[in-house]
Amino acid sequence: KISGNPIFPSIVESLFRWAGEYYRPLVRAPGAEELTLAEHQRIVDAIAKRDGDAASEAMRAHLTRANELYRTLSK
C-alpha cells in the first residue's frame, strides 16, 4: 500500500497466501520464525533510514538464507 501502486498489494497478498499453503511446514520449522522476523526487521529498519543499499542487501541475505533452508527441509 505504501508504494501507491494498487496492483502491488494484491500480488503480495496472493503470493503470501500461496506460500502459506505450500510452504507452511517449512515456514514453521523450529527457530525459523524468530530468524525470519529478525531479518524482516533489518529490512524495515534500512527502509526507514532510506538506505536502499542496506535494504537491498538485507533482502538479498534473507532470500538467500530462506532459499537454502527451504531446499534443505524439502528434501
Protein backbone atom coordinates (compact mmCIF):
# COMPACT_ATOMS: atom_id res chain seq x y z
CA LYS A 1 0.00 0.00 0.00
CA ILE A 2 2.93 2.31 0.76
CA SER A 3 4.04 2.16 -2.87
CA GLY A 4 0.78 3.73 -4.03
CA ASN A 5 0.51 1.02 -6.66
CA PRO A 6 -2.86 -0.73 -6.21
CA ILE A 7 -1.65 -3.86 -8.00
CA PHE A 8 1.35 -4.48 -5.75
CA PRO A 9 -0.59 -5.26 -2.51
CA SER A 10 -2.80 -7.69 -4.42
CA ILE A 11 0.20 -9.53 -5.82
CA VAL A 12 1.95 -9.67 -2.45
CA GLU A 13 -1.18 -10.91 -0.65
CA SER A 14 -1.69 -13.62 -3.28
CA LEU A 15 1.92 -14.68 -3.03
CA PHE A 16 1.76 -14.90 0.75
CA ARG A 17 -1.47 -16.86 0.62
CA TRP A 18 0.08 -19.34 -1.83
CA ALA A 19 3.34 -19.57 0.11
CA GLY A 20 1.45 -20.05 3.37
CA GLU A 21 -0.34 -23.07 1.95
CA TYR A 22 2.58 -24.57 0.05
CA TYR A 23 5.44 -23.82 2.43
CA ARG A 24 3.68 -24.00 5.81
CA PRO A 25 5.79 -26.93 7.11
CA LEU A 26 8.95 -25.15 6.02
CA VAL A 27 7.99 -21.75 7.39
CA ARG A 28 7.08 -23.33 10.72
CA ALA A 29 10.47 -25.03 11.07
CA PRO A 30 11.76 -24.74 14.66
CA GLY A 31 13.69 -21.49 15.10
CA ALA A 32 12.81 -20.19 11.63
CA GLU A 33 10.18 -17.72 12.82
CA GLU A 34 12.49 -15.72 15.11
CA LEU A 35 15.21 -15.61 12.48
CA THR A 36 12.77 -14.56 9.78
CA LEU A 37 11.33 -11.79 11.97
CA ALA A 38 14.84 -10.50 12.74
CA GLU A 39 15.69 -10.50 9.03
CA HIS A 40 12.48 -8.64 8.21
CA GLN A 41 13.25 -6.10 10.94
CA ARG A 42 16.64 -5.39 9.34
CA ILE A 43 14.90 -4.81 6.02
CA VAL A 44 12.32 -2.47 7.57
CA ASP A 45 15.00 -0.58 9.53
CA ALA A 46 17.04 0.01 6.37
CA ILE A 47 13.95 1.24 4.52
CA ALA A 48 13.05 3.55 7.41
CA LYS A 49 16.59 5.01 7.19
CA ARG A 50 16.12 5.43 3.44
CA ASP A 51 19.20 3.28 2.90
CA GLY A 52 18.42 1.49 -0.33
CA ASP A 53 21.74 -0.34 -0.44
CA ALA A 54 21.29 -1.73 3.08
CA ALA A 55 17.66 -2.67 2.38
CA SER A 56 18.69 -4.44 -0.80
CA GLU A 57 21.48 -6.31 0.95
CA ALA A 58 19.21 -7.27 3.88
CA MET A 59 16.58 -8.57 1.46
CA ARG A 60 19.17 -10.48 -0.57
CA ALA A 61 20.59 -12.07 2.59
CA HIS A 62 17.10 -13.01 3.79
CA LEU A 63 16.07 -14.60 0.50
CA THR A 64 19.37 -16.45 0.15
CA ARG A 65 19.11 -17.85 3.67
CA ALA A 66 15.43 -18.73 3.26
CA ASN A 67 16.02 -20.44 -0.08
CA GLU A 68 18.79 -22.56 1.42
CA LEU A 69 16.57 -23.53 4.36
CA TYR A 70 13.67 -24.46 2.07
CA ARG A 71 15.93 -26.56 -0.14
CA THR A 72 17.33 -28.38 2.89
CA LEU A 73 13.95 -29.01 4.53
CA SER A 74 12.14 -30.03 1.37
CA LYS A 75 14.48 -32.91 0.58
